[in-house]
Protein backbone atom coordinates (compact mmCIF):
# COMPACT_ATOMS: atom_id res chain seq x y z
CA MET A 1 12.78 17.12 -14.33
CA ALA A 2 10.46 15.27 -16.62
CA THR A 3 10.58 15.86 -20.30
CA PRO A 4 7.84 18.15 -21.54
CA PHE A 5 4.50 16.61 -22.29
CA ARG A 6 3.60 16.08 -25.98
CA ALA A 7 0.12 14.80 -26.29
CA ALA A 8 0.48 13.32 -29.89
CA ASP A 9 3.17 10.83 -28.40
CA GLU A 10 0.73 9.44 -25.96
CA PRO A 11 -2.20 6.94 -26.06
CA VAL A 12 -3.90 9.01 -23.36
CA THR A 13 -4.25 12.95 -23.63
CA PHE A 14 -5.07 15.53 -21.14
CA ALA A 15 -8.47 16.16 -23.00
CA ASP A 16 -9.38 12.43 -22.51
CA ILE A 17 -8.64 12.76 -18.77
CA GLU A 18 -11.03 15.86 -18.72
CA ALA A 19 -13.61 13.84 -20.59
CA ALA A 20 -13.18 11.14 -17.96
CA ALA A 21 -13.82 13.59 -15.22
CA ALA A 22 -16.94 14.86 -16.97
CA ALA A 23 -18.20 10.95 -17.56
CA ILE A 24 -17.68 9.97 -13.86
CA ALA A 25 -18.67 13.13 -12.09
CA GLY A 26 -21.38 12.61 -9.53
CA GLN A 27 -20.76 8.77 -9.66
CA VAL A 28 -17.64 8.53 -7.63
CA VAL A 29 -16.48 10.56 -4.43
CA ARG A 30 -14.73 13.83 -5.07
CA THR A 31 -12.44 13.00 -2.21
CA PRO A 32 -10.70 15.63 -0.08
CA THR A 33 -7.02 16.86 -0.42
CA LEU A 34 -5.91 18.04 2.94
CA GLU A 35 -2.66 19.20 4.38
CA SER A 36 -1.06 17.20 7.31
CA ARG A 37 0.61 19.50 9.68
CA THR A 38 2.06 16.80 11.90
CA LEU A 39 3.53 14.88 8.86
CA SER A 40 4.95 17.96 7.55
CA GLU A 41 6.49 18.80 10.65
CA MET A 42 7.96 15.28 10.74
CA THR A 43 9.60 15.19 7.16
CA GLY A 44 10.41 18.79 6.57
CA ALA A 45 8.06 18.95 3.47
CA ARG A 46 4.86 20.44 3.31
CA VAL A 47 2.42 17.19 2.95
CA PHE A 48 -0.79 17.01 1.23
CA LEU A 49 -2.80 14.04 1.35
CA LYS A 50 -5.46 12.65 -1.44
CA PHE A 51 -7.84 10.77 0.53
CA GLU A 52 -8.80 8.13 -2.07
CA ASN A 53 -9.66 5.42 0.73
CA LEU A 54 -12.73 7.37 1.22
CA GLN A 55 -14.22 6.22 -2.11
CA PHE A 56 -17.21 3.92 -1.53
CA THR A 57 -15.17 0.76 -2.29
CA ALA A 58 -11.95 2.51 -0.42
CA ALA A 59 -9.95 2.75 -3.59
CA TYR A 60 -9.17 5.08 -6.44
CA LYS A 61 -9.73 2.15 -8.99
CA GLU A 62 -13.48 2.96 -9.17
CA ARG A 63 -12.41 5.92 -11.50
CA GLY A 64 -10.75 4.01 -14.20
CA ALA A 65 -13.20 1.18 -14.17
CA LEU A 66 -16.30 3.33 -14.28
CA ASN A 67 -14.96 5.27 -17.18
CA ARG A 68 -14.39 2.02 -19.04
CA LEU A 69 -17.87 0.62 -18.21
CA LEU A 70 -19.38 3.88 -19.44
CA ALA A 71 -17.85 3.52 -22.79
CA LEU A 72 -19.23 0.07 -23.56
CA SER A 73 -21.90 -0.40 -26.41
CA PRO A 74 -25.39 -1.93 -25.44
CA GLU A 75 -24.43 -5.06 -26.78
CA GLU A 76 -21.16 -5.34 -24.74
CA ARG A 77 -23.12 -4.23 -21.75
CA ARG A 78 -25.58 -7.10 -22.32
CA ARG A 79 -22.83 -9.64 -22.54
CA GLY A 80 -21.03 -8.52 -19.29
CA VAL A 81 -17.48 -7.86 -18.43
CA ILE A 82 -14.78 -9.91 -16.76
CA ALA A 83 -11.42 -8.80 -14.95
CA MET A 84 -8.48 -10.17 -13.21
CA SER A 85 -7.73 -8.34 -9.99
CA ALA A 86 -5.98 -8.66 -6.43
CA GLY A 87 -8.98 -6.68 -4.97
CA ASN A 88 -9.33 -2.98 -5.42
CA HIS A 89 -10.06 -3.02 -9.33
CA ALA A 90 -12.32 -6.19 -8.62
CA GLN A 91 -14.37 -4.06 -6.31
CA GLY A 92 -14.60 -0.90 -8.28
CA LEU A 93 -15.59 -2.87 -11.37
CA ALA A 94 -17.99 -4.82 -9.61
CA TYR A 95 -19.66 -1.99 -7.69
CA HIS A 96 -20.07 0.15 -10.90
CA ALA A 97 -21.30 -2.86 -12.98
CA ARG A 98 -23.97 -3.53 -10.47
CA ARG A 99 -25.04 0.02 -10.57
CA LEU A 100 -25.28 0.06 -14.36
CA GLY A 101 -26.85 -3.33 -14.61
CA ILE A 102 -23.99 -5.02 -16.19
CA PRO A 103 -22.77 -8.59 -15.27
CA ALA A 104 -19.58 -8.95 -13.89
CA THR A 105 -17.09 -11.92 -13.52
CA ILE A 106 -13.96 -11.16 -11.42
CA VAL A 107 -10.90 -13.86 -11.41
CA MET A 108 -8.65 -13.36 -8.32
CA PRO A 109 -5.35 -15.22 -7.25
CA ARG A 110 -6.56 -17.91 -4.65
CA PHE A 111 -4.65 -16.11 -1.75
CA SER A 112 -6.14 -12.70 -2.08
CA PRO A 113 -7.09 -11.00 1.06
CA LEU A 114 -10.28 -12.49 2.58
CA THR A 115 -11.75 -8.85 2.89
CA LYS A 116 -11.30 -7.92 -0.71
CA VAL A 117 -12.87 -11.20 -1.88
CA GLN A 118 -15.81 -10.73 0.43
CA GLN A 119 -16.42 -7.07 -0.62
CA THR A 120 -16.16 -7.95 -4.39
CA GLU A 121 -18.63 -10.77 -3.76
CA SER A 122 -20.99 -8.33 -1.90
CA HIS A 123 -21.26 -6.21 -5.15
CA ASP A 124 -23.07 -9.37 -6.73
CA ALA A 125 -19.91 -10.05 -9.10
CA LEU A 126 -19.08 -13.75 -9.80
CA VAL A 127 -15.58 -14.34 -8.31
CA VAL A 128 -13.58 -16.96 -9.46
CA LEU A 129 -10.38 -17.82 -7.34
CA HIS A 130 -7.48 -19.19 -9.63
CA GLY A 131 -3.88 -19.32 -9.70
CA GLU A 132 -1.05 -18.29 -6.93
CA LYS A 133 -0.35 -14.91 -8.79
CA LEU A 134 -1.87 -12.05 -10.87
CA GLU A 135 -0.36 -13.67 -13.89
CA ASP A 136 -2.20 -16.85 -13.42
CA ALA A 137 -5.51 -14.90 -12.81
CA ASP A 138 -4.90 -12.94 -15.98
CA THR A 139 -4.35 -15.91 -18.06
CA HIS A 140 -7.63 -17.43 -16.75
CA ALA A 141 -9.76 -14.34 -17.08
CA ARG A 142 -8.61 -14.02 -20.75
CA GLU A 143 -9.62 -17.67 -21.55
CA LEU A 144 -13.02 -17.18 -19.72
CA ALA A 145 -13.45 -13.84 -21.61
CA ALA A 146 -13.06 -15.76 -25.15
CA LYS A 147 -15.13 -18.82 -24.03
CA ARG A 148 -18.12 -16.70 -22.72
CA GLY A 149 -17.95 -13.50 -24.95
CA LEU A 150 -17.09 -11.13 -22.08
CA VAL A 151 -15.46 -8.02 -22.26
CA PHE A 152 -11.92 -7.88 -20.65
CA VAL A 153 -11.37 -5.00 -18.56
CA HIS A 154 -7.60 -4.51 -17.68
CA PRO A 155 -6.78 -2.89 -14.35
CA PHE A 156 -4.22 -0.67 -15.82
CA ASP A 157 -3.29 -1.21 -19.41
CA ASP A 158 -6.20 0.53 -20.96
CA PRO A 159 -6.50 4.15 -22.34
CA LEU A 160 -10.06 4.68 -20.74
CA VAL A 161 -8.78 3.16 -17.46
CA ILE A 162 -5.69 5.39 -17.41
CA ALA A 163 -7.68 8.35 -18.17
CA GLY A 164 -10.01 7.50 -15.36
CA GLN A 165 -7.22 7.17 -13.12
CA GLY A 166 -5.79 10.76 -14.15
CA THR A 167 -8.77 12.57 -12.76
CA VAL A 168 -7.11 12.01 -9.18
CA ALA A 169 -4.51 14.47 -10.11
CA LEU A 170 -7.03 17.01 -11.70
CA GLU A 171 -8.85 17.06 -8.23
CA MET A 172 -5.53 17.27 -6.27
CA LEU A 173 -3.99 19.93 -8.06
CA ALA A 174 -7.33 22.04 -8.02
CA ASP A 175 -7.56 21.82 -4.59
CA ALA A 176 -3.91 22.18 -3.75
CA PRO A 177 -1.98 24.12 -6.74
CA GLY A 178 0.94 24.48 -4.78
CA ILE A 179 2.08 20.86 -4.98
CA ASP A 180 5.47 20.86 -6.72
CA THR A 181 6.08 17.11 -6.21
CA LEU A 182 3.59 14.24 -6.49
CA ILE A 183 4.80 10.77 -4.91
CA VAL A 184 2.47 7.95 -6.73
CA PRO A 185 2.50 4.22 -5.99
CA ILE A 186 3.16 2.07 -8.99
CA GLY A 187 2.12 -1.51 -9.76
CA GLY A 188 1.23 -1.67 -13.43
CA GLY A 189 1.28 2.11 -14.02
CA GLY A 190 -2.32 3.13 -14.56
CA LEU A 191 -2.32 5.74 -11.63
CA VAL A 192 1.03 6.94 -12.20
CA SER A 193 0.52 7.29 -16.22
CA GLY A 194 -2.85 9.00 -15.70
CA THR A 195 -1.46 11.38 -13.04
CA ALA A 196 1.65 12.12 -14.82
CA ILE A 197 -0.11 13.20 -18.10
CA ALA A 198 -2.55 15.39 -15.96
CA ALA A 199 0.15 16.98 -13.73
CA SER A 200 2.56 17.81 -16.56
CA HIS A 201 -0.13 19.50 -18.55
CA LEU A 202 -1.26 21.62 -15.63
CA ASN A 203 2.24 22.33 -14.28
CA PRO A 204 5.11 21.61 -16.81
CA SER A 205 7.61 21.96 -13.88
CA ILE A 206 6.06 19.44 -11.43
CA GLU A 207 7.97 16.35 -10.42
CA VAL A 208 6.11 13.08 -10.57
CA ILE A 209 8.03 10.47 -8.36
CA GLY A 210 6.98 6.76 -8.65
CA VAL A 211 7.43 4.42 -5.54
CA GLN A 212 7.24 0.64 -5.53
CA ALA A 213 7.97 -2.18 -3.03
CA GLU A 214 11.39 -3.42 -3.08
CA LEU A 215 10.10 -6.88 -3.73
CA TYR A 216 8.16 -5.85 -6.84
CA PRO A 217 10.31 -3.36 -8.58
CA ALA A 218 8.97 -4.29 -12.11
CA MET A 219 8.41 -0.91 -13.49
CA LYS A 220 11.83 0.40 -12.39
CA ALA A 221 13.49 -2.62 -13.94
CA ALA A 222 11.68 -2.20 -16.94
CA ILE A 223 12.52 1.44 -17.46
CA ALA A 224 16.17 0.77 -16.93
CA GLY A 225 16.00 -2.07 -19.45
CA GLU A 226 16.87 -4.64 -16.85
CA PRO A 227 15.60 -8.05 -16.21
CA ILE A 228 12.53 -8.00 -13.94
CA VAL A 229 12.94 -9.81 -10.66
CA ALA A 230 9.78 -9.53 -8.55
CA ASP A 231 8.52 -11.72 -6.13
CA GLY A 232 7.54 -12.39 -2.35
CA GLU A 233 5.02 -11.51 0.26
CA THR A 234 4.73 -7.72 0.40
CA LEU A 235 2.26 -5.61 2.62
CA ALA A 236 1.71 -3.78 -0.67
CA GLU A 237 0.03 -6.30 -2.56
CA GLY A 238 -2.18 -3.82 -4.52
CA ILE A 239 1.08 -2.87 -6.22
CA ALA A 240 2.64 -6.29 -6.33
CA VAL A 241 2.69 -6.58 -10.21
CA LYS A 242 5.32 -8.49 -11.82
CA TYR A 243 4.87 -7.12 -15.30
CA PRO A 244 3.98 -3.31 -16.06
CA GLY A 245 1.77 -2.38 -18.69
CA ARG A 246 2.60 -2.15 -22.48
CA LEU A 247 0.83 1.27 -22.71
CA THR A 248 2.20 2.62 -19.40
CA VAL A 249 5.95 2.01 -19.59
CA PRO A 250 6.61 4.72 -22.15
CA ILE A 251 4.35 7.23 -20.44
CA VAL A 252 6.48 6.56 -17.06
CA ARG A 253 9.53 6.61 -18.88
CA ARG A 254 8.97 10.03 -20.27
CA LEU A 255 7.04 11.82 -17.53
CA VAL A 256 8.01 10.25 -14.24
CA THR A 257 11.20 11.92 -12.90
CA GLU A 258 12.38 8.82 -10.73
CA ILE A 259 11.13 5.52 -9.18
CA LEU A 260 11.86 4.96 -5.48
CA LEU A 261 11.82 1.56 -3.90
CA VAL A 262 10.68 1.19 -0.28
CA ALA A 263 11.31 -1.59 2.14
CA GLU A 264 8.62 -3.48 4.07
CA ARG A 265 9.40 -1.91 7.53
CA ASP A 266 8.85 1.52 5.80
CA LEU A 267 5.36 0.44 4.59
CA GLU A 268 4.41 -0.86 7.81
CA ARG A 269 5.44 2.41 9.50
CA ALA A 270 3.61 4.30 7.13
CA VAL A 271 0.35 2.32 7.51
CA SER A 272 0.74 2.91 11.38
CA LEU A 273 1.64 6.48 11.07
CA LEU A 274 -1.49 7.34 8.95
CA LEU A 275 -3.99 5.55 11.46
CA VAL A 276 -2.18 7.33 14.48
CA ILE A 277 -1.88 10.61 13.15
CA GLU A 278 -4.45 11.09 10.43
CA LYS A 279 -6.90 8.67 12.11
CA THR A 280 -7.34 7.07 8.40
CA LEU A 281 -7.03 3.58 7.50
CA VAL A 282 -4.75 2.98 4.70
CA GLU A 283 -3.33 -0.51 2.88
CA GLY A 284 0.14 -1.28 2.35
CA ALA A 285 0.02 0.24 -1.37
CA GLY A 286 -1.95 3.30 -0.23
CA ALA A 287 0.84 4.01 2.31
CA ALA A 288 3.63 3.54 -0.28
CA GLY A 289 4.00 7.36 -1.02
CA LEU A 290 4.27 8.16 2.66
CA ALA A 291 6.74 5.24 3.06
CA ALA A 292 9.04 6.87 0.49
CA LEU A 293 8.70 10.18 2.06
CA ILE A 294 9.99 8.42 5.38
CA ALA A 295 12.77 6.58 3.63
CA HIS A 296 13.99 9.51 1.62
CA PRO A 297 13.57 12.68 3.74
CA ARG A 298 16.53 14.67 2.25
CA ARG A 299 14.97 13.95 -1.25
CA PHE A 300 11.85 15.89 -0.39
CA ARG A 301 12.88 18.22 2.36
CA GLY A 302 11.58 21.86 1.66
CA ARG A 303 9.25 20.67 -1.10
CA THR A 304 5.25 20.70 -1.34
CA VAL A 305 4.45 17.09 -1.61
CA GLY A 306 1.23 15.56 -2.47
CA LEU A 307 0.47 11.81 -1.70
CA ILE A 308 -2.39 9.83 -2.96
CA LEU A 309 -3.76 7.43 -0.26
CA CYS A 310 -4.86 5.24 -3.12
CA GLY A 311 -6.65 2.49 -1.20
CA GLY A 312 -8.06 1.52 2.24
CA ASN A 313 -8.69 -2.34 2.25
CA ILE A 314 -6.59 -4.14 4.62
CA ASP A 315 -7.30 -7.34 6.29
CA THR A 316 -8.08 -6.63 10.17
CA ARG A 317 -5.66 -9.33 11.14
CA LEU A 318 -2.98 -8.11 9.21
CA LEU A 319 -3.26 -4.58 10.46
CA ALA A 320 -3.13 -5.63 13.80
CA ASN A 321 0.13 -7.26 13.27
CA VAL A 322 1.50 -4.39 11.44
CA LEU A 323 0.45 -1.92 14.49
CA LEU A 324 2.07 -4.36 16.94
CA ARG A 325 5.26 -4.66 15.17
CA ASP A 326 5.44 -0.84 14.71
CA LEU A 327 4.86 -0.64 18.69
CA ALA A 328 7.83 -3.12 19.01
CA ARG A 329 10.04 -1.32 16.68
CA SER A 330 9.43 1.96 18.66
CA GLY A 331 10.26 0.19 21.76
CA ARG A 332 6.73 0.31 23.24
CA LEU A 333 6.48 -3.38 23.00
CA ALA A 334 9.29 -5.56 23.67
CA ARG A 335 10.47 -9.13 24.15
CA LEU A 336 13.39 -9.86 26.33
CA ARG A 337 15.40 -13.05 26.68
CA ILE A 338 16.63 -13.38 30.03
CA ARG A 339 19.10 -16.25 31.45
CA LEU A 340 18.15 -17.68 34.69
CA LYS A 341 19.42 -20.35 37.06
CA ASP A 342 16.86 -23.23 37.59
CA ARG A 343 16.14 -22.50 41.29
CA PRO A 344 13.47 -20.93 43.56
CA GLY A 345 12.95 -17.24 43.62
CA GLN A 346 14.73 -16.45 40.16
CA LEU A 347 11.55 -15.47 38.34
CA TYR A 348 10.34 -13.67 41.61
CA ALA A 349 13.53 -11.75 41.55
CA VAL A 350 13.17 -10.51 37.71
CA ALA A 351 9.51 -9.88 38.45
CA ARG A 352 10.41 -7.49 41.40
CA ILE A 353 12.75 -5.46 38.71
CA PHE A 354 9.81 -5.36 36.44
CA ASP A 355 7.60 -3.78 39.21
CA GLN A 356 10.30 -1.32 40.34
CA GLN A 357 10.82 -0.01 36.93
CA GLN A 358 6.81 0.14 36.43
CA VAL A 359 7.01 -1.96 33.38
CA ASN A 360 3.87 -4.16 32.33
CA ILE A 361 4.67 -7.87 31.91
CA LEU A 362 2.29 -9.30 29.05
CA GLU A 363 3.54 -12.76 28.66
CA VAL A 364 6.06 -15.18 30.11
CA SER A 365 7.76 -18.22 28.47
CA HIS A 366 10.26 -20.70 29.93
CA HIS A 367 12.68 -22.64 27.61
CA ARG A 368 14.67 -25.52 29.58
CA ILE A 369 14.97 -28.15 26.92
CA PHE A 370 15.88 -26.32 23.32
CA THR A 371 18.45 -24.36 24.63
CA THR A 372 22.30 -24.36 24.52
CA LEU A 373 22.48 -24.01 28.11
CA PRO A 374 23.60 -26.61 30.66
CA ALA A 375 20.92 -28.86 32.07
CA LYS A 376 20.54 -26.42 35.31
CA GLY A 377 20.22 -23.40 33.16
CA LEU A 378 16.92 -22.01 31.55
CA ILE A 379 15.88 -19.12 29.26
CA THR A 380 12.74 -17.07 29.86
CA GLU A 381 11.22 -14.80 27.39
CA ILE A 382 9.21 -11.90 28.96
CA GLU A 383 6.97 -9.89 26.52
CA CYS A 384 6.31 -6.45 28.17
CA GLU A 385 5.05 -3.01 27.65
CA THR A 386 6.83 0.06 28.16
CA ARG A 387 6.59 3.94 27.72
CA GLY A 388 9.18 4.04 25.09
CA PRO A 389 12.79 3.35 24.01
CA GLU A 390 14.36 5.00 27.05
CA HIS A 391 12.12 3.27 29.51
CA LEU A 392 12.86 -0.01 28.21
CA GLU A 393 16.65 0.72 28.45
CA ARG A 394 16.24 1.48 31.97
CA LEU A 395 14.75 -1.79 32.45
CA ILE A 396 17.52 -3.69 30.68
CA GLU A 397 20.08 -2.08 32.70
CA ALA A 398 18.35 -2.75 35.94
CA LEU A 399 18.05 -6.49 34.99
CA GLN A 400 21.82 -6.57 33.90
CA GLY A 401 22.77 -4.65 37.15
CA ALA A 402 21.08 -7.38 39.16
CA GLY A 403 23.25 -10.18 37.50
CA PHE A 404 20.81 -11.44 34.84
CA ASP A 405 22.22 -11.97 31.24
CA THR A 406 19.40 -9.93 29.25
CA SER A 407 19.16 -9.25 25.51
CA ARG A 408 16.25 -7.96 23.31
CA VAL A 409 14.73 -10.35 20.70
CA GLU A 410 14.91 -8.17 17.80
CA LEU A 411 12.30 -7.82 14.77
CA GLY A 412 13.43 -8.29 11.25
């Protein structure tokens, strides 16, 4: 259980979060908190979802960005703001800066998702692509801020931003006061810090659980006093932060019960489940809470759990890959490697078995040269669509029973 909250020890208080809620009211969407009966049945927990992917820019980041902008002096508004962001903070800041007539410059890593770059530019912000990682973008943004006299707006390490993010918890617990466990994605720690401050004030017995991608366990390592090793290509790029905030680490250390890590396949599964079950589009970071629930079912069984779907900006090509990979893992799609003799009628005999088993063939490829087989042998790979794992298993048994050496090509 988290240590009891003492406002004097924190850079952000519950009163700050209440003030932020009053300041941004009517300027951001008061997103719904809804119970998911299907996910509850699947996981053994009572699951409530906070649909922050329904914000205008499809992410909770609008809240903190707007709260920070509203605190600017007239002279600071005239000069303009600058931020570094992989996407959601960029969009939230750019959108509300345009609404308020404030010039905005956003520095993004060069390989940020195209959809986030385009959406940020659509809000009339000047987008500068620089560096490979957020750290590179951060350094360049600070250099530009000093050179051009712009106000730097940090995506998470700012008291006004943290307070703005905390308004998510105010709304969620007002709509579902029975929640006893919140599972919150962690990147730099702004959302989880604001959430923990608000939640612990409203319900001192509530558990706030953080979740990070296995490839980017920066906050977990910082809390444990361990070296931070964070790198790689993660589906949850919105929380792919190498170094957590100076302000957020102490808040998380005191108010967050535990930080769980989730694998990429759990993130992929969660994105797919939310689309199929809830008919809602969520990016990898936004699905991290559900990924933790899937990966650690015993930890949350019997609890009343709140999940924040914190963002919905995902590249459509990436989404297609995620959905197809999930179908493959579930046995609905499969690629079979079948050893044949290089003689007439072999492929026809295989195709007849597919027909008999009522399995749809999607793609066929032959490999004669780059194999370890003798010159008269060949490998054929057949991508197919089945009704599920049992149907696929019957197909493989039928192929093997007919004398064809058959194996599945497994996903990582």
